[in-house]
Every structure is written in C-alpha cells, then in structure tokens.
Amino acid sequence: PDHERVIAYQALKTKNYTRALTAWNSIPLKQMTPDDILSAAITAQTAGDARELRKWISISMSKEMARKMTIIGGL
C-alpha cells in the first residue's frame, strides 16, 4: 500500500488522474488515512468522474461515522 500511495500522490501531482485513481483504488480502505481519502475524492472531482467522487465521499462519511461511534463507545 505504501508504494501505491506514493504513486497515487505523484500521479495526482502530475495530473495523471486515471493512474492516480487506479492507485487509490488498489489501497485497502483500512490502510487509507483521512488525507488519502480526501486526495482520492479531489482526484475524482478534478478528473470529472462523478461516480468515483460519490464513492470517495461515501467512504469518507462512513469512516467518520465509525470514528465517532468508537469515541462514543469509549465514554
């Protein structure tokens, strides 16, 4: 995943959005940071890929909800 993460960020920087999305999609969700997910969403938006954008927004919202539930459960 670290190798693909580097590729994703480099591809985004060089505006190779197709390669960046391929790299983002190859990283297991459990190993993605919030910044990774945000970058994947930005990649999709910049590429004009509405389906991918919706997917990454949904993933972001789900992970945030899970994080909040973990915090609440720990009270």
Protein backbone atom coordinates (compact mmCIF):
# COMPACT_ATOMS: atom_id res chain seq x y z
CA PRO A 1 0.00 0.00 0.00
CA ASP A 2 2.82 2.47 0.71
CA HIS A 3 4.15 2.07 -2.84
CA GLU A 4 0.70 2.62 -4.34
CA ARG A 5 0.14 5.62 -2.07
CA VAL A 6 3.33 7.24 -3.38
CA ILE A 7 2.25 6.51 -6.95
CA ALA A 8 -1.21 7.98 -6.29
CA TYR A 9 0.18 11.24 -4.90
CA GLN A 10 2.77 11.51 -7.68
CA ALA A 11 0.15 10.82 -10.35
CA LEU A 12 -2.16 13.44 -8.83
CA LYS A 13 0.68 15.96 -8.78
CA THR A 14 1.46 15.31 -12.47
CA LYS A 15 -2.26 15.39 -13.38
CA ASN A 16 -2.36 11.72 -14.39
CA TYR A 17 -5.78 11.31 -12.80
CA THR A 18 -6.55 7.91 -14.30
CA ARG A 19 -3.36 6.45 -12.82
CA ALA A 20 -3.98 8.19 -9.51
CA LEU A 21 -7.50 6.74 -9.23
CA THR A 22 -6.19 3.30 -10.11
CA ALA A 23 -3.62 3.60 -7.34
CA TRP A 24 -6.15 4.89 -4.79
CA ASN A 25 -8.46 2.02 -5.60
CA SER A 26 -5.68 -0.52 -5.06
CA ILE A 27 -5.03 0.54 -1.45
CA PRO A 28 -7.09 -1.36 1.15
CA LEU A 29 -9.53 1.05 2.82
CA LYS A 30 -8.35 0.05 6.29
CA GLN A 31 -4.90 1.34 5.38
CA MET A 32 -6.05 4.68 3.96
CA THR A 33 -5.68 7.83 6.02
CA PRO A 34 -8.31 10.60 6.00
CA ASP A 35 -5.89 12.63 3.86
CA ASP A 36 -5.63 9.74 1.38
CA ILE A 37 -9.41 9.55 1.09
CA LEU A 38 -9.68 13.32 0.64
CA SER A 39 -6.99 13.20 -2.04
CA ALA A 40 -8.81 10.38 -3.81
CA ALA A 41 -12.00 12.47 -3.79
CA ILE A 42 -10.12 15.51 -5.09
CA THR A 43 -8.61 13.33 -7.82
CA ALA A 44 -12.05 12.09 -8.86
CA GLN A 45 -13.52 15.60 -8.84
CA THR A 46 -10.64 17.03 -10.85
CA ALA A 47 -10.92 14.17 -13.32
CA GLY A 48 -14.65 14.84 -13.70
CA ASP A 49 -15.54 11.32 -12.54
CA ALA A 50 -18.79 11.81 -10.63
CA ARG A 51 -19.20 8.11 -9.80
CA GLU A 52 -15.74 7.91 -8.21
CA LEU A 53 -16.32 11.19 -6.40
CA ARG A 54 -19.58 9.89 -4.88
CA LYS A 55 -17.79 6.70 -3.84
CA TRP A 56 -14.97 8.52 -2.06
CA ILE A 57 -17.35 10.94 -0.35
CA SER A 58 -19.39 7.97 0.87
CA ILE A 59 -16.25 6.24 2.15
CA SER A 60 -15.18 9.40 3.93
CA MET A 61 -18.56 9.78 5.60
CA SER A 62 -18.64 6.11 6.64
CA LYS A 63 -15.17 6.26 8.16
CA GLU A 64 -16.01 9.46 10.01
CA MET A 65 -19.20 7.91 11.39
CA ALA A 66 -17.26 4.82 12.51
CA ARG A 67 -14.68 7.04 14.20
CA LYS A 68 -17.38 8.96 16.06
CA MET A 69 -19.09 5.76 17.16
CA THR A 70 -15.77 4.48 18.53
CA ILE A 71 -15.34 7.68 20.52
CA ILE A 72 -18.90 7.49 21.86
CA GLY A 73 -18.45 3.82 22.73
CA GLY A 74 -15.37 4.68 24.75
CA LEU A 75 -17.19 7.15 27.01
